[in-house]
């Protein structure tokens, strides 16, 4: 049984798609899922949270002028 020339590209595309999906499924089945991370203890809803608990941000040095996008190309 021969495949018509007009249907060869479609057959090739379908075969490639099926093989790709099968390979991705096999890899997904064999890949071990990472262990779930322990969630950080959250404060109760009725307790006020302390500001900046361990979120010390380092100062950032800004060099140059801030970027302003050119929204009107005719005007410079």
Protein backbone atom coordinates (compact mmCIF):
# COMPACT_ATOMS: atom_id res chain seq x y z
CA UNK A 1 0.00 0.00 0.00
CA UNK A 2 1.54 3.27 -1.10
CA UNK A 3 0.86 6.69 0.32
CA UNK A 4 0.01 9.36 -2.20
CA UNK A 5 2.57 12.07 -2.64
CA UNK A 6 0.12 14.74 -1.49
CA UNK A 7 -0.41 12.92 1.83
CA UNK A 8 3.24 12.19 2.64
CA UNK A 9 3.89 15.46 4.42
CA UNK A 10 0.81 15.02 6.58
CA UNK A 11 1.81 11.44 7.39
CA UNK A 12 5.33 12.55 8.29
CA UNK A 13 3.98 15.33 10.51
CA UNK A 14 1.58 12.98 12.28
CA UNK A 15 4.26 10.34 12.83
CA UNK A 16 6.70 12.89 14.20
CA UNK A 17 4.04 14.34 16.51
CA UNK A 18 3.06 10.94 17.89
CA UNK A 19 6.67 9.93 18.49
CA UNK A 20 7.43 13.27 20.17
CA UNK A 21 4.42 12.96 22.47
CA UNK A 22 5.36 9.37 23.32
CA UNK A 23 8.96 10.38 24.13
CA UNK A 24 7.81 13.30 26.29
CA UNK A 25 5.35 11.06 28.13
CA UNK A 26 8.03 8.45 28.77
CA UNK A 27 10.41 11.07 30.15
CA UNK A 28 7.64 12.49 32.35
CA UNK A 29 6.87 9.04 33.75
CA UNK A 30 10.51 8.20 34.46
CA UNK A 31 11.39 11.60 35.93
CA UNK A 32 11.15 11.67 39.70
CA UNK A 33 9.07 14.47 41.10
CA UNK A 34 10.89 16.68 43.61
CA UNK A 35 9.87 16.42 47.23
CA UNK A 36 7.37 19.08 48.27
CA UNK A 37 8.95 21.94 50.16
CA UNK A 38 7.89 22.54 53.71
CA UNK A 39 5.83 25.71 53.76
CA UNK A 40 7.05 28.43 56.10
CA UNK A 41 4.90 28.80 59.19
CA UNK A 42 2.39 31.54 58.57
CA UNK A 43 1.09 33.81 61.30
CA UNK A 44 -2.54 33.50 62.26
CA UNK A 45 -4.99 35.75 60.45
CA UNK A 46 -5.80 37.73 63.59
CA UNK A 47 -2.14 38.56 64.38
CA UNK A 48 -0.49 41.65 62.98
CA UNK A 49 2.63 40.90 60.98
CA UNK A 50 5.87 42.61 61.94
CA UNK A 51 7.18 44.91 59.19
CA UNK A 52 10.38 43.88 57.39
CA UNK A 53 10.89 40.51 59.01
CA UNK A 54 14.22 39.50 57.55
CA UNK A 55 13.73 41.42 54.30
CA UNK A 56 16.68 43.77 54.51
CA UNK A 57 17.17 45.33 51.10
CA UNK A 58 20.57 46.59 50.13
CA UNK A 59 20.73 50.07 48.65
CA UNK A 60 21.10 50.23 44.88
CA UNK A 61 23.23 52.78 43.06
CA UNK A 62 21.52 54.26 40.00
CA UNK A 63 23.85 55.49 37.28
CA UNK A 64 22.61 57.83 34.56
CA UNK A 65 19.20 59.18 33.75
CA UNK A 66 16.10 56.98 33.90
CA UNK A 67 15.00 55.37 30.65
CA UNK A 68 12.08 57.06 28.91
CA UNK A 69 10.67 55.13 25.93
CA UNK A 70 10.28 57.04 22.68
CA UNK A 71 6.55 56.74 22.11
CA UNK A 72 6.51 59.34 19.33
CA UNK A 73 9.30 58.54 16.82
CA UNK A 74 8.89 61.81 14.89
CA UNK A 75 9.65 63.86 17.98
CA UNK A 76 13.18 63.76 19.34
